[in-house]
Amino acid sequence: DDFDILKLVGQGAFGKVFQVRKKDSGAIYAMKVMKKERIVEKDQAEYTRAERDILTAVTHPFIVSLRYSFQTTSKLYLILEFINGGHLFFQLYQQGTFGDELTKFYISEICLAIGHLHSLSIMHRDLKPENILVDHDGHVKITDFGLAKRIVDDKRANSLAGSIDYMAPEILNAKGHGKTADWWSVGVLMFEMLSGTLPFKGKNKQAVQKAICSEKVKVPNYFQPEAVGLIKGLLAKDPSMRLGRGDDGTADIKSHKYFKGVDWAKIAAKANPPPFKPNVHGEHCTANFDTRWTDVDPVDSVAATPVSGEQEKFLGFTFV
């Protein structure tokens, strides 16, 4: 009751994301709404709790901020800062490709965000253009920590996580995966930004999986040599050979010759003007979100309530 729903701006496996206005202050936020029944059905309660815990713990200029979290008997709510430049996939779809300068700018900011997560022993595990937002100035914000995981004592994770096109071979092969799986996804993102297409393709999921696990990446001849070197390093099939492995993985990536001339302190301080600024008209603007969402009547629909025993799985979710 504290928020007015304005627009639908996203939809996922467990619910919807709305643009909302806080009634008392008039502030604009994003509200992620997840149905408990569906979470219990898919046995994902642990992940939704992890998402809330990770967002509470992480503060970084290129990672979306959590403002509040609360729940009803049937739903979980995350109130996040509203990033009105829209999803990276929307901008990529509009522009076709990003070109060298903009790609390097985005990849630099993404590397700092992922490096920060890894320094906190957190894997994102679902990096893709749909989970990267662009703010009104043109800086990135990584969002959707629904599959993120904390690594305890450097143990490897075994669950299948992420979107298949961006998944590392070791995840698909269920061989156990660590933080380097995120760097694979960064390699896929970089390839896609420069070419407008994915590095591994197939007519169905099985064919894509086979390509990811066994095919060599074919790089277009118009890619700069330094970009080719970084992409091939990030897309090494063997995680023990991948650029970004080990305790100094982020530092190794930052010192790659592709980033020669990049002032990392300036990137972290947002001191460099972004090469692209989204067309944004005020904080309410949703023009940079897909019309298949924004044209839909924004309703937080009624949902079934899980049985009382299942409610225990969501204890401690609220954060104000």
C-alpha atoms as a PDB file:
ATOM      1  CA  ASP A   1       0.000   0.000   0.000  1.00  0.00           C
ATOM      2  CA  ASP A   2       3.036   2.312   0.251  1.00  0.00           C
ATOM      3  CA  PHE A   3       3.610   2.285  -3.529  1.00  0.00           C
ATOM      4  CA  ASP A   4       1.637   3.265  -6.636  1.00  0.00           C
ATOM      5  CA  ILE A   5       2.262   0.968  -9.610  1.00  0.00           C
ATOM      6  CA  LEU A   6       3.021   3.002 -12.753  1.00  0.00           C
ATOM      7  CA  LYS A   7       4.322   0.667 -15.491  1.00  0.00           C
ATOM      8  CA  LEU A   8       5.352  -2.920 -16.153  1.00  0.00           C
ATOM      9  CA  VAL A   9       9.048  -2.844 -17.154  1.00  0.00           C
ATOM     10  CA  GLY A  10      10.087  -6.505 -16.997  1.00  0.00           C
ATOM     11  CA  GLN A  11       8.970 -10.088 -16.513  1.00  0.00           C
ATOM     12  CA  GLY A  12      10.809 -13.167 -15.288  1.00  0.00           C
ATOM     13  CA  ALA A  13      10.351 -16.776 -14.229  1.00  0.00           C
ATOM     14  CA  PHE A  14       8.838 -15.961 -10.831  1.00  0.00           C
ATOM     15  CA  GLY A  15       7.038 -12.683 -11.386  1.00  0.00           C
ATOM     16  CA  LYS A  16       7.162  -9.135 -12.707  1.00  0.00           C
ATOM     17  CA  VAL A  17       9.129  -5.898 -12.383  1.00  0.00           C
ATOM     18  CA  PHE A  18       7.151  -2.657 -12.116  1.00  0.00           C
ATOM     19  CA  GLN A  19       8.054   1.001 -12.093  1.00  0.00           C
ATOM     20  CA  VAL A  20       6.480   2.345  -8.873  1.00  0.00           C
ATOM     21  CA  ARG A  21       6.134   5.618  -6.961  1.00  0.00           C
ATOM     22  CA  LYS A  22       6.507   5.727  -3.172  1.00  0.00           C
ATOM     23  CA  LYS A  23       3.394   7.519  -1.947  1.00  0.00           C
ATOM     24  CA  ASP A  24       4.930   9.523   0.904  1.00  0.00           C
ATOM     25  CA  SER A  25       8.029  10.831  -0.915  1.00  0.00           C
ATOM     26  CA  GLY A  26       7.070  10.613  -4.595  1.00  0.00           C
ATOM     27  CA  ALA A  27      10.364   8.768  -5.253  1.00  0.00           C
ATOM     28  CA  ILE A  28      10.464   6.420  -8.264  1.00  0.00           C
ATOM     29  CA  TYR A  29      11.676   2.826  -7.790  1.00  0.00           C
ATOM     30  CA  ALA A  30      11.646  -0.558  -9.512  1.00  0.00           C
ATOM     31  CA  MET A  31       9.562  -3.178  -7.684  1.00  0.00           C
ATOM     32  CA  LYS A  32      10.371  -6.832  -8.334  1.00  0.00           C
ATOM     33  CA  VAL A  33       7.432  -9.032  -7.357  1.00  0.00           C
ATOM     34  CA  MET A  34       7.890 -12.802  -6.976  1.00  0.00           C
ATOM     35  CA  LYS A  35       5.159 -15.376  -6.363  1.00  0.00           C
ATOM     36  CA  LYS A  36       5.950 -17.601  -3.383  1.00  0.00           C
ATOM     37  CA  GLU A  37       3.912 -20.493  -4.760  1.00  0.00           C
ATOM     38  CA  ARG A  38       6.008 -20.606  -7.943  1.00  0.00           C
ATOM     39  CA  ILE A  39       9.253 -20.273  -5.959  1.00  0.00           C
ATOM     40  CA  VAL A  40       8.285 -23.210  -3.711  1.00  0.00           C
ATOM     41  CA  GLU A  41       7.123 -25.230  -6.735  1.00  0.00           C
ATOM     42  CA  LYS A  42      10.535 -24.802  -8.397  1.00  0.00           C
ATOM     43  CA  ASP A  43      12.406 -25.265  -5.083  1.00  0.00           C
ATOM     44  CA  GLN A  44      14.054 -21.840  -5.441  1.00  0.00           C
ATOM     45  CA  ALA A  45      13.442 -20.337  -1.969  1.00  0.00           C
ATOM     46  CA  GLU A  46      17.162 -20.538  -1.182  1.00  0.00           C
ATOM     47  CA  TYR A  47      17.972 -18.432  -4.265  1.00  0.00           C
ATOM     48  CA  THR A  48      15.403 -15.724  -3.540  1.00  0.00           C
ATOM     49  CA  ARG A  49      16.774 -15.393  -0.022  1.00  0.00           C
ATOM     50  CA  ALA A  50      20.324 -15.297  -1.426  1.00  0.00           C
ATOM     51  CA  GLU A  51      19.290 -12.573  -3.890  1.00  0.00           C
ATOM     52  CA  ARG A  52      17.974 -10.408  -1.074  1.00  0.00           C
ATOM     53  CA  ASP A  53      21.021 -11.097   1.148  1.00  0.00           C
ATOM     54  CA  ILE A  54      23.513 -10.375  -1.641  1.00  0.00           C
ATOM     55  CA  LEU A  55      21.771  -7.147  -2.695  1.00  0.00           C
ATOM     56  CA  THR A  56      21.750  -6.042   0.957  1.00  0.00           C
ATOM     57  CA  ALA A  57      25.493  -6.695   1.257  1.00  0.00           C
ATOM     58  CA  VAL A  58      26.699  -5.195  -2.039  1.00  0.00           C
ATOM     59  CA  THR A  59      27.296  -1.496  -2.703  1.00  0.00           C
ATOM     60  CA  HIS A  60      28.922  -0.639  -6.020  1.00  0.00           C
ATOM     61  CA  PRO A  61      28.467   2.108  -8.647  1.00  0.00           C
ATOM     62  CA  PHE A  62      27.777  -0.468 -11.379  1.00  0.00           C
ATOM     63  CA  ILE A  63      25.429  -2.738  -9.406  1.00  0.00           C
ATOM     64  CA  VAL A  64      21.779  -1.917  -8.778  1.00  0.00           C
ATOM     65  CA  SER A  65      20.940  -0.898  -5.170  1.00  0.00           C
ATOM     66  CA  LEU A  66      18.290  -2.490  -2.962  1.00  0.00           C
ATOM     67  CA  ARG A  67      16.186   0.016  -1.016  1.00  0.00           C
ATOM     68  CA  TYR A  68      13.614  -2.206   0.753  1.00  0.00           C
ATOM     69  CA  SER A  69      12.356  -5.784   0.781  1.00  0.00           C
ATOM     70  CA  PHE A  70       9.111  -7.083   2.270  1.00  0.00           C
ATOM     71  CA  GLN A  71       6.582  -9.861   1.853  1.00  0.00           C
ATOM     72  CA  THR A  72       2.911 -10.786   2.007  1.00  0.00           C
ATOM     73  CA  THR A  73       1.562 -14.299   2.525  1.00  0.00           C
ATOM     74  CA  SER A  74       1.661 -14.900  -1.244  1.00  0.00           C
ATOM     75  CA  LYS A  75       4.513 -12.736  -2.597  1.00  0.00           C
ATOM     76  CA  LEU A  76       8.019 -11.372  -2.075  1.00  0.00           C
ATOM     77  CA  TYR A  77       8.863  -7.769  -2.957  1.00  0.00           C
ATOM     78  CA  LEU A  78      12.237  -6.169  -3.707  1.00  0.00           C
ATOM     79  CA  ILE A  79      12.290  -2.377  -4.062  1.00  0.00           C
ATOM     80  CA  LEU A  80      15.311  -1.336  -6.141  1.00  0.00           C
ATOM     81  CA  GLU A  81      16.604   1.903  -7.620  1.00  0.00           C
ATOM     82  CA  PHE A  82      14.874   2.542 -10.955  1.00  0.00           C
ATOM     83  CA  ILE A  83      17.348   2.687 -13.852  1.00  0.00           C
ATOM     84  CA  ASN A  84      15.574   4.467 -16.677  1.00  0.00           C
ATOM     85  CA  GLY A  85      18.034   3.968 -19.547  1.00  0.00           C
ATOM     86  CA  GLY A  86      16.558   0.492 -19.922  1.00  0.00           C
ATOM     87  CA  HIS A  87      18.103  -2.914 -20.519  1.00  0.00           C
ATOM     88  CA  LEU A  88      21.332  -3.315 -22.444  1.00  0.00           C
ATOM     89  CA  PHE A  89      19.544  -5.784 -24.749  1.00  0.00           C
ATOM     90  CA  PHE A  90      17.052  -3.033 -25.695  1.00  0.00           C
ATOM     91  CA  GLN A  91      19.885  -0.670 -26.641  1.00  0.00           C
ATOM     92  CA  LEU A  92      21.738  -3.460 -28.498  1.00  0.00           C
ATOM     93  CA  TYR A  93      18.546  -4.340 -30.388  1.00  0.00           C
ATOM     94  CA  GLN A  94      18.075  -0.666 -31.324  1.00  0.00           C
ATOM     95  CA  GLN A  95      21.686  -0.090 -32.405  1.00  0.00           C
ATOM     96  CA  GLY A  96      22.583  -3.507 -33.867  1.00  0.00           C
ATOM     97  CA  THR A  97      26.164  -3.368 -32.570  1.00  0.00           C
ATOM     98  CA  PHE A  98      27.957  -1.071 -30.133  1.00  0.00           C
ATOM     99  CA  GLY A  99      31.278  -0.532 -31.904  1.00  0.00           C
ATOM    100  CA  ASP A 100      34.744  -0.528 -30.333  1.00  0.00           C
ATOM    101  CA  GLU A 101      34.607   2.540 -28.084  1.00  0.00           C
ATOM    102  CA  LEU A 102      31.224   1.828 -26.476  1.00  0.00           C
ATOM    103  CA  THR A 103      31.967  -1.891 -26.078  1.00  0.00           C
ATOM    104  CA  LYS A 104      35.234  -1.149 -24.273  1.00  0.00           C
ATOM    105  CA  PHE A 105      33.446   1.348 -22.030  1.00  0.00           C
ATOM    106  CA  TYR A 106      30.693  -1.126 -21.055  1.00  0.00           C
ATOM    107  CA  ILE A 107      33.058  -4.088 -20.653  1.00  0.00           C
ATOM    108  CA  SER A 108      35.354  -1.985 -18.414  1.00  0.00           C
ATOM    109  CA  GLU A 109      32.457  -1.114 -16.089  1.00  0.00           C
ATOM    110  CA  ILE A 110      31.136  -4.700 -16.125  1.00  0.00           C
ATOM    111  CA  CYS A 111      34.621  -6.031 -15.254  1.00  0.00           C
ATOM    112  CA  LEU A 112      34.797  -3.751 -12.197  1.00  0.00           C
ATOM    113  CA  ALA A 113      31.334  -4.871 -11.044  1.00  0.00           C
ATOM    114  CA  ILE A 114      32.093  -8.591 -11.498  1.00  0.00           C
ATOM    115  CA  GLY A 115      35.510  -8.175  -9.892  1.00  0.00           C
ATOM    116  CA  HIS A 116      33.842  -6.572  -6.870  1.00  0.00           C
ATOM    117  CA  LEU A 117      31.354  -9.452  -6.567  1.00  0.00           C
ATOM    118  CA  HIS A 118      34.163 -12.000  -6.816  1.00  0.00           C
ATOM    119  CA  SER A 119      36.124 -10.159  -4.099  1.00  0.00           C
ATOM    120  CA  LEU A 120      33.090 -10.803  -1.859  1.00  0.00           C
ATOM    121  CA  SER A 121      33.019 -14.489  -2.925  1.00  0.00           C
ATOM    122  CA  ILE A 122      29.834 -13.964  -4.954  1.00  0.00           C
ATOM    123  CA  MET A 123      29.161 -15.409  -8.420  1.00  0.00           C
ATOM    124  CA  HIS A 124      26.434 -13.707 -10.486  1.00  0.00           C
ATOM    125  CA  ARG A 125      25.891 -16.732 -12.797  1.00  0.00           C
ATOM    126  CA  ASP A 126      23.327 -15.077 -15.080  1.00  0.00           C
ATOM    127  CA  LEU A 127      25.143 -12.285 -16.907  1.00  0.00           C
ATOM    128  CA  LYS A 128      23.332 -11.404 -20.132  1.00  0.00           C
ATOM    129  CA  PRO A 129      22.102  -8.186 -21.808  1.00  0.00           C
ATOM    130  CA  GLU A 130      18.679  -8.564 -20.156  1.00  0.00           C
ATOM    131  CA  ASN A 131      20.329  -8.376 -16.716  1.00  0.00           C
ATOM    132  CA  ILE A 132      22.387  -5.258 -17.399  1.00  0.00           C
ATOM    133  CA  LEU A 133      20.703  -1.868 -17.237  1.00  0.00           C
ATOM    134  CA  VAL A 134      21.966   1.480 -18.531  1.00  0.00           C
ATOM    135  CA  ASP A 135      21.369   4.558 -16.362  1.00  0.00           C
ATOM    136  CA  HIS A 136      20.302   7.984 -17.638  1.00  0.00           C
ATOM    137  CA  ASP A 137      23.938   9.089 -17.950  1.00  0.00           C
ATOM    138  CA  GLY A 138      25.005   5.959 -19.861  1.00  0.00           C
ATOM    139  CA  HIS A 139      26.694   3.877 -17.124  1.00  0.00           C
ATOM    140  CA  VAL A 140      25.888   0.185 -16.599  1.00  0.00           C
ATOM    141  CA  LYS A 141      24.073  -1.320 -13.619  1.00  0.00           C
ATOM    142  CA  ILE A 142      24.095  -5.086 -13.154  1.00  0.00           C
ATOM    143  CA  THR A 143      20.805  -6.434 -11.870  1.00  0.00           C
ATOM    144  CA  ASP A 144      18.904  -9.696 -11.214  1.00  0.00           C
ATOM    145  CA  PHE A 145      20.776 -11.673  -8.588  1.00  0.00           C
ATOM    146  CA  GLY A 146      18.182 -14.470  -8.655  1.00  0.00           C
ATOM    147  CA  LEU A 147      20.807 -17.098  -9.535  1.00  0.00           C
ATOM    148  CA  ALA A 148      23.737 -15.532  -7.673  1.00  0.00           C
ATOM    149  CA  LYS A 149      25.599 -17.651  -5.166  1.00  0.00           C
ATOM    150  CA  ARG A 150      28.094 -17.124  -2.383  1.00  0.00           C
ATOM    151  CA  ILE A 151      31.128 -19.391  -2.589  1.00  0.00           C
ATOM    152  CA  VAL A 152      32.054 -20.865   0.773  1.00  0.00           C
ATOM    153  CA  ASP A 153      35.696 -21.951   1.262  1.00  0.00           C
ATOM    154  CA  ASP A 154      36.212 -21.841  -2.530  1.00  0.00           C
ATOM    155  CA  LYS A 155      33.855 -24.801  -2.995  1.00  0.00           C
ATOM    156  CA  ARG A 156      32.541 -25.279  -6.505  1.00  0.00           C
ATOM    157  CA  ALA A 157      28.842 -24.910  -7.291  1.00  0.00           C
ATOM    158  CA  ASN A 158      27.086 -27.740  -9.100  1.00  0.00           C
ATOM    159  CA  SER A 159      23.587 -26.496  -9.898  1.00  0.00           C
ATOM    160  CA  LEU A 160      22.678 -25.597 -13.477  1.00  0.00           C
ATOM    161  CA  ALA A 161      22.328 -21.829 -13.539  1.00  0.00           C
ATOM    162  CA  GLY A 162      22.035 -19.101 -16.117  1.00  0.00           C
ATOM    163  CA  SER A 163      20.775 -18.647 -19.662  1.00  0.00           C
ATOM    164  CA  ILE A 164      22.147 -21.316 -21.985  1.00  0.00           C
ATOM    165  CA  ASP A 165      23.590 -18.895 -24.600  1.00  0.00           C
ATOM    166  CA  TYR A 166      25.779 -17.294 -21.916  1.00  0.00           C
ATOM    167  CA  MET A 167      26.581 -20.436 -19.877  1.00  0.00           C
ATOM    168  CA  ALA A 168      30.151 -21.661 -19.503  1.00  0.00           C
ATOM    169  CA  PRO A 169      30.946 -25.236 -20.672  1.00  0.00           C
ATOM    170  CA  GLU A 170      31.670 -26.414 -17.116  1.00  0.00           C
ATOM    171  CA  ILE A 171      28.136 -25.417 -16.050  1.00  0.00           C
ATOM    172  CA  LEU A 172      26.584 -27.255 -19.012  1.00  0.00           C
ATOM    173  CA  ASN A 173      28.768 -30.312 -18.339  1.00  0.00           C
ATOM    174  CA  ALA A 174      27.794 -30.224 -14.631  1.00  0.00           C
ATOM    175  CA  LYS A 175      31.469 -30.575 -13.684  1.00  0.00           C
ATOM    176  CA  GLY A 176      31.231 -27.994 -10.916  1.00  0.00           C
ATOM    177  CA  HIS A 177      31.932 -24.327 -11.547  1.00  0.00           C
ATOM    178  CA  GLY A 178      33.537 -21.375  -9.853  1.00  0.00           C
ATOM    179  CA  LYS A 179      33.835 -17.630 -10.364  1.00  0.00           C
ATOM    180  CA  THR A 180      35.501 -18.016 -13.773  1.00  0.00           C
ATOM    181  CA  ALA A 181      32.094 -19.022 -15.195  1.00  0.00           C
ATOM    182  CA  ASP A 182      31.153 -15.320 -14.925  1.00  0.00           C
ATOM    183  CA  TRP A 183      34.164 -14.330 -17.035  1.00  0.00           C
ATOM    184  CA  TRP A 184      33.006 -16.703 -19.791  1.00  0.00           C
ATOM    185  CA  SER A 185      29.694 -14.792 -19.829  1.00  0.00           C
ATOM    186  CA  VAL A 186      31.608 -11.496 -20.098  1.00  0.00           C
ATOM    187  CA  GLY A 187      33.370 -12.933 -23.170  1.00  0.00           C
ATOM    188  CA  VAL A 188      30.019 -13.825 -24.761  1.00  0.00           C
ATOM    189  CA  LEU A 189      28.676 -10.339 -23.964  1.00  0.00           C
ATOM    190  CA  MET A 190      31.708  -8.661 -25.504  1.00  0.00           C
ATOM    191  CA  PHE A 191      31.428 -10.752 -28.689  1.00  0.00           C
ATOM    192  CA  GLU A 192      27.725  -9.889 -28.928  1.00  0.00           C
ATOM    193  CA  MET A 193      28.299  -6.160 -28.367  1.00  0.00           C
ATOM    194  CA  LEU A 194      30.859  -6.003 -31.183  1.00  0.00           C
ATOM    195  CA  SER A 195      29.045  -8.229 -33.692  1.00  0.00           C
ATOM    196  CA  GLY A 196      25.339  -8.114 -32.791  1.00  0.00           C
ATOM    197  CA  THR A 197      25.302 -11.913 -32.720  1.00  0.00           C
ATOM    198  CA  LEU A 198      26.229 -14.736 -30.325  1.00  0.00           C
ATOM    199  CA  PRO A 199      29.525 -16.647 -30.613  1.00  0.00           C
ATOM    200  CA  PHE A 200      27.876 -20.073 -30.320  1.00  0.00           C
ATOM    201  CA  LYS A 201      24.670 -20.811 -32.200  1.00  0.00           C
ATOM    202  CA  GLY A 202      22.439 -23.761 -33.049  1.00  0.00           C
ATOM    203  CA  LYS A 203      18.935 -24.587 -34.232  1.00  0.00           C
ATOM    204  CA  ASN A 204      17.912 -25.746 -30.739  1.00  0.00           C
ATOM    205  CA  LYS A 205      19.201 -25.772 -27.144  1.00  0.00           C
ATOM    206  CA  GLN A 206      21.045 -29.083 -27.602  1.00  0.00           C
ATOM    207  CA  ALA A 207      22.889 -27.742 -30.659  1.00  0.00           C
ATOM    208  CA  VAL A 208      23.836 -24.535 -28.808  1.00  0.00           C
ATOM    209  CA  GLN A 209      25.085 -26.586 -25.851  1.00  0.00           C
ATOM    210  CA  LYS A 210      27.187 -28.776 -28.170  1.00  0.00           C
ATOM    211  CA  ALA A 211      28.658 -25.679 -29.855  1.00  0.00           C
ATOM    212  CA  ILE A 212      29.552 -24.075 -26.504  1.00  0.00           C
ATOM    213  CA  CYS A 213      31.242 -27.234 -25.244  1.00  0.00           C
ATOM    214  CA  SER A 214      33.093 -28.330 -28.384  1.00  0.00           C
ATOM    215  CA  GLU A 215      33.294 -25.694 -31.153  1.00  0.00           C
ATOM    216  CA  LYS A 216      36.121 -23.180 -31.458  1.00  0.00           C
ATOM    217  CA  VAL A 217      34.929 -19.588 -31.415  1.00  0.00           C
ATOM    218  CA  LYS A 218      34.955 -18.022 -34.894  1.00  0.00           C
ATOM    219  CA  VAL A 219      35.775 -14.327 -34.603  1.00  0.00           C
ATOM    220  CA  PRO A 220      34.776 -11.866 -37.373  1.00  0.00           C
ATOM    221  CA  ASN A 221      37.793 -10.416 -39.203  1.00  0.00           C
ATOM    222  CA  TYR A 222      36.766  -6.832 -38.407  1.00  0.00           C
ATOM    223  CA  PHE A 223      37.387  -7.330 -34.651  1.00  0.00           C
ATOM    224  CA  GLN A 224      40.495  -5.497 -33.388  1.00  0.00           C
ATOM    225  CA  PRO A 225      43.392  -7.933 -32.587  1.00  0.00           C
ATOM    226  CA  GLU A 226      43.402  -6.926 -28.889  1.00  0.00           C
ATOM    227  CA  ALA A 227      39.640  -7.583 -28.675  1.00  0.00           C
ATOM    228  CA  VAL A 228      40.151 -11.012 -30.288  1.00  0.00           C
ATOM    229  CA  GLY A 229      42.837 -11.813 -27.707  1.00  0.00           C
ATOM    230  CA  LEU A 230      40.597 -10.875 -24.782  1.00  0.00           C
ATOM    231  CA  ILE A 231      37.553 -12.719 -26.155  1.00  0.00           C
ATOM    232  CA  LYS A 232      39.560 -15.894 -26.794  1.00  0.00           C
ATOM    233  CA  GLY A 233      41.056 -15.660 -23.304  1.00  0.00           C
ATOM    234  CA  LEU A 234      37.609 -15.303 -21.715  1.00  0.00           C
ATOM    235  CA  LEU A 235      36.105 -18.043 -23.906  1.00  0.00           C
ATOM    236  CA  ALA A 236      38.703 -20.706 -23.070  1.00  0.00           C
ATOM    237  CA  LYS A 237      36.713 -23.957 -22.690  1.00  0.00           C
ATOM    238  CA  ASP A 238      38.872 -25.142 -19.785  1.00  0.00           C
ATOM    239  CA  PRO A 239      38.232 -22.898 -16.742  1.00  0.00           C
ATOM    240  CA  SER A 240      41.742 -23.628 -15.435  1.00  0.00           C
ATOM    241  CA  MET A 241      43.105 -21.978 -18.603  1.00  0.00           C
ATOM    242  CA  ARG A 242      40.569 -19.138 -18.801  1.00  0.00           C
ATOM    243  CA  LEU A 243      41.537 -15.512 -18.374  1.00  0.00           C
ATOM    244  CA  GLY A 244      40.174 -14.432 -14.988  1.00  0.00           C
ATOM    245  CA  ARG A 245      41.038 -17.664 -13.158  1.00  0.00           C
ATOM    246  CA  GLY A 246      42.636 -17.674  -9.721  1.00  0.00           C
ATOM    247  CA  ASP A 247      42.832 -15.138  -6.914  1.00  0.00           C
ATOM    248  CA  ASP A 248      44.256 -12.426  -9.190  1.00  0.00           C
ATOM    249  CA  GLY A 249      41.790 -13.097 -12.003  1.00  0.00           C
ATOM    250  CA  THR A 250      40.263  -9.632 -12.128  1.00  0.00           C
ATOM    251  CA  ALA A 251      43.701  -7.967 -12.067  1.00  0.00           C
ATOM    252  CA  ASP A 252      44.842 -10.242 -14.923  1.00  0.00           C
ATOM    253  CA  ILE A 253      41.868  -9.157 -17.029  1.00  0.00           C
ATOM    254  CA  LYS A 254      42.370  -5.460 -16.235  1.00  0.00           C
ATOM    255  CA  SER A 255      46.025  -5.675 -17.311  1.00  0.00           C
ATOM    256  CA  HIS A 256      45.170  -7.299 -20.678  1.00  0.00           C
ATOM    257  CA  LYS A 257      46.436  -5.253 -23.641  1.00  0.00           C
ATOM    258  CA  TYR A 258      42.827  -4.681 -24.807  1.00  0.00           C
ATOM    259  CA  PHE A 259      42.491  -2.292 -21.847  1.00  0.00           C
ATOM    260  CA  LYS A 260      45.761  -0.436 -22.559  1.00  0.00           C
ATOM    261  CA  GLY A 261      45.175   3.237 -21.780  1.00  0.00           C
ATOM    262  CA  VAL A 262      42.120   2.567 -19.588  1.00  0.00           C
ATOM    263  CA  ASP A 263      42.356   4.517 -16.316  1.00  0.00           C
ATOM    264  CA  TRP A 264      40.586   2.123 -13.940  1.00  0.00           C
ATOM    265  CA  ALA A 265      40.325   4.694 -11.135  1.00  0.00           C
ATOM    266  CA  LYS A 266      38.514   7.031 -13.542  1.00  0.00           C
ATOM    267  CA  ILE A 267      36.192   4.221 -14.664  1.00  0.00           C
ATOM    268  CA  ALA A 268      35.339   3.411 -11.020  1.00  0.00           C
ATOM    269  CA  ALA A 269      34.695   7.099 -10.274  1.00  0.00           C
ATOM    270  CA  LYS A 270      32.497   7.507 -13.392  1.00  0.00           C
ATOM    271  CA  ALA A 271      34.880  10.290 -14.409  1.00  0.00           C
ATOM    272  CA  ASN A 272      34.859   9.410 -18.118  1.00  0.00           C
ATOM    273  CA  PRO A 273      31.833  10.681 -20.065  1.00  0.00           C
ATOM    274  CA  PRO A 274      29.912   7.689 -21.497  1.00  0.00           C
ATOM    275  CA  PRO A 275      30.140   7.450 -25.316  1.00  0.00           C
ATOM    276  CA  PHE A 276      26.380   6.871 -25.471  1.00  0.00           C
ATOM    277  CA  LYS A 277      23.648   8.523 -23.418  1.00  0.00           C
ATOM    278  CA  PRO A 278      20.130   7.017 -23.573  1.00  0.00           C
ATOM    279  CA  ASN A 279      17.265   9.241 -24.617  1.00  0.00           C
ATOM    280  CA  VAL A 280      15.602   9.817 -21.227  1.00  0.00           C
ATOM    281  CA  HIS A 281      12.914  12.402 -20.446  1.00  0.00           C
ATOM    282  CA  GLY A 282      12.722  12.658 -16.649  1.00  0.00           C
ATOM    283  CA  GLU A 283      12.808  10.006 -13.935  1.00  0.00           C
ATOM    284  CA  HIS A 284       9.387   8.606 -14.943  1.00  0.00           C
ATOM    285  CA  CYS A 285      10.560   7.861 -18.497  1.00  0.00           C
ATOM    286  CA  THR A 286      10.062   4.241 -19.635  1.00  0.00           C
ATOM    287  CA  ALA A 287      10.765   4.845 -23.351  1.00  0.00           C
ATOM    288  CA  ASN A 288      13.880   2.636 -23.133  1.00  0.00           C
ATOM    289  CA  PHE A 289      11.931  -0.441 -22.038  1.00  0.00           C
ATOM    290  CA  ASP A 290      10.325  -2.952 -24.379  1.00  0.00           C
ATOM    291  CA  THR A 291       6.761  -2.013 -25.378  1.00  0.00           C
ATOM    292  CA  ARG A 292       5.657  -5.650 -24.957  1.00  0.00           C
ATOM    293  CA  TRP A 293       5.869  -4.828 -21.238  1.00  0.00           C
ATOM    294  CA  THR A 294       5.175  -1.098 -21.015  1.00  0.00           C
ATOM    295  CA  ASP A 295       2.007  -1.346 -23.149  1.00  0.00           C
ATOM    296  CA  VAL A 296       0.522  -3.968 -20.791  1.00  0.00           C
ATOM    297  CA  ASP A 297      -1.855  -2.845 -18.028  1.00  0.00           C
ATOM    298  CA  PRO A 298       0.416  -2.809 -14.917  1.00  0.00           C
ATOM    299  CA  VAL A 299      -1.385  -4.990 -12.366  1.00  0.00           C
ATOM    300  CA  ASP A 300       0.094  -6.813  -9.375  1.00  0.00           C
ATOM    301  CA  SER A 301      -2.240  -9.791  -9.802  1.00  0.00           C
ATOM    302  CA  VAL A 302      -3.644 -11.994  -7.041  1.00  0.00           C
ATOM    303  CA  ALA A 303      -1.558 -15.090  -6.297  1.00  0.00           C
ATOM    304  CA  ALA A 304      -2.151 -18.277  -4.340  1.00  0.00           C
ATOM    305  CA  THR A 305      -0.700 -18.498  -0.827  1.00  0.00           C
ATOM    306  CA  PRO A 306       1.632 -21.429  -0.039  1.00  0.00           C
ATOM    307  CA  VAL A 307       0.670 -23.636   2.914  1.00  0.00           C
ATOM    308  CA  SER A 308       1.829 -22.308   6.284  1.00  0.00           C
ATOM    309  CA  GLY A 309       4.700 -24.795   6.607  1.00  0.00           C
ATOM    310  CA  GLU A 310       6.247 -23.423   3.419  1.00  0.00           C
ATOM    311  CA  GLN A 311       6.189 -19.835   4.793  1.00  0.00           C
ATOM    312  CA  GLU A 312       9.158 -20.660   7.039  1.00  0.00           C
ATOM    313  CA  LYS A 313      11.341 -20.707   3.915  1.00  0.00           C
ATOM    314  CA  PHE A 314      10.870 -16.941   3.628  1.00  0.00           C
ATOM    315  CA  LEU A 315      11.596 -15.951   7.247  1.00  0.00           C
ATOM    316  CA  GLY A 316      13.809 -12.862   7.567  1.00  0.00           C
ATOM    317  CA  PHE A 317      13.234 -11.689   3.988  1.00  0.00           C
ATOM    318  CA  THR A 318      12.027  -8.236   5.059  1.00  0.00           C
ATOM    319  CA  PHE A 319      14.628  -5.422   4.924  1.00  0.00           C
ATOM    320  CA  VAL A 320      13.717  -1.772   5.534  1.00  0.00           C
END
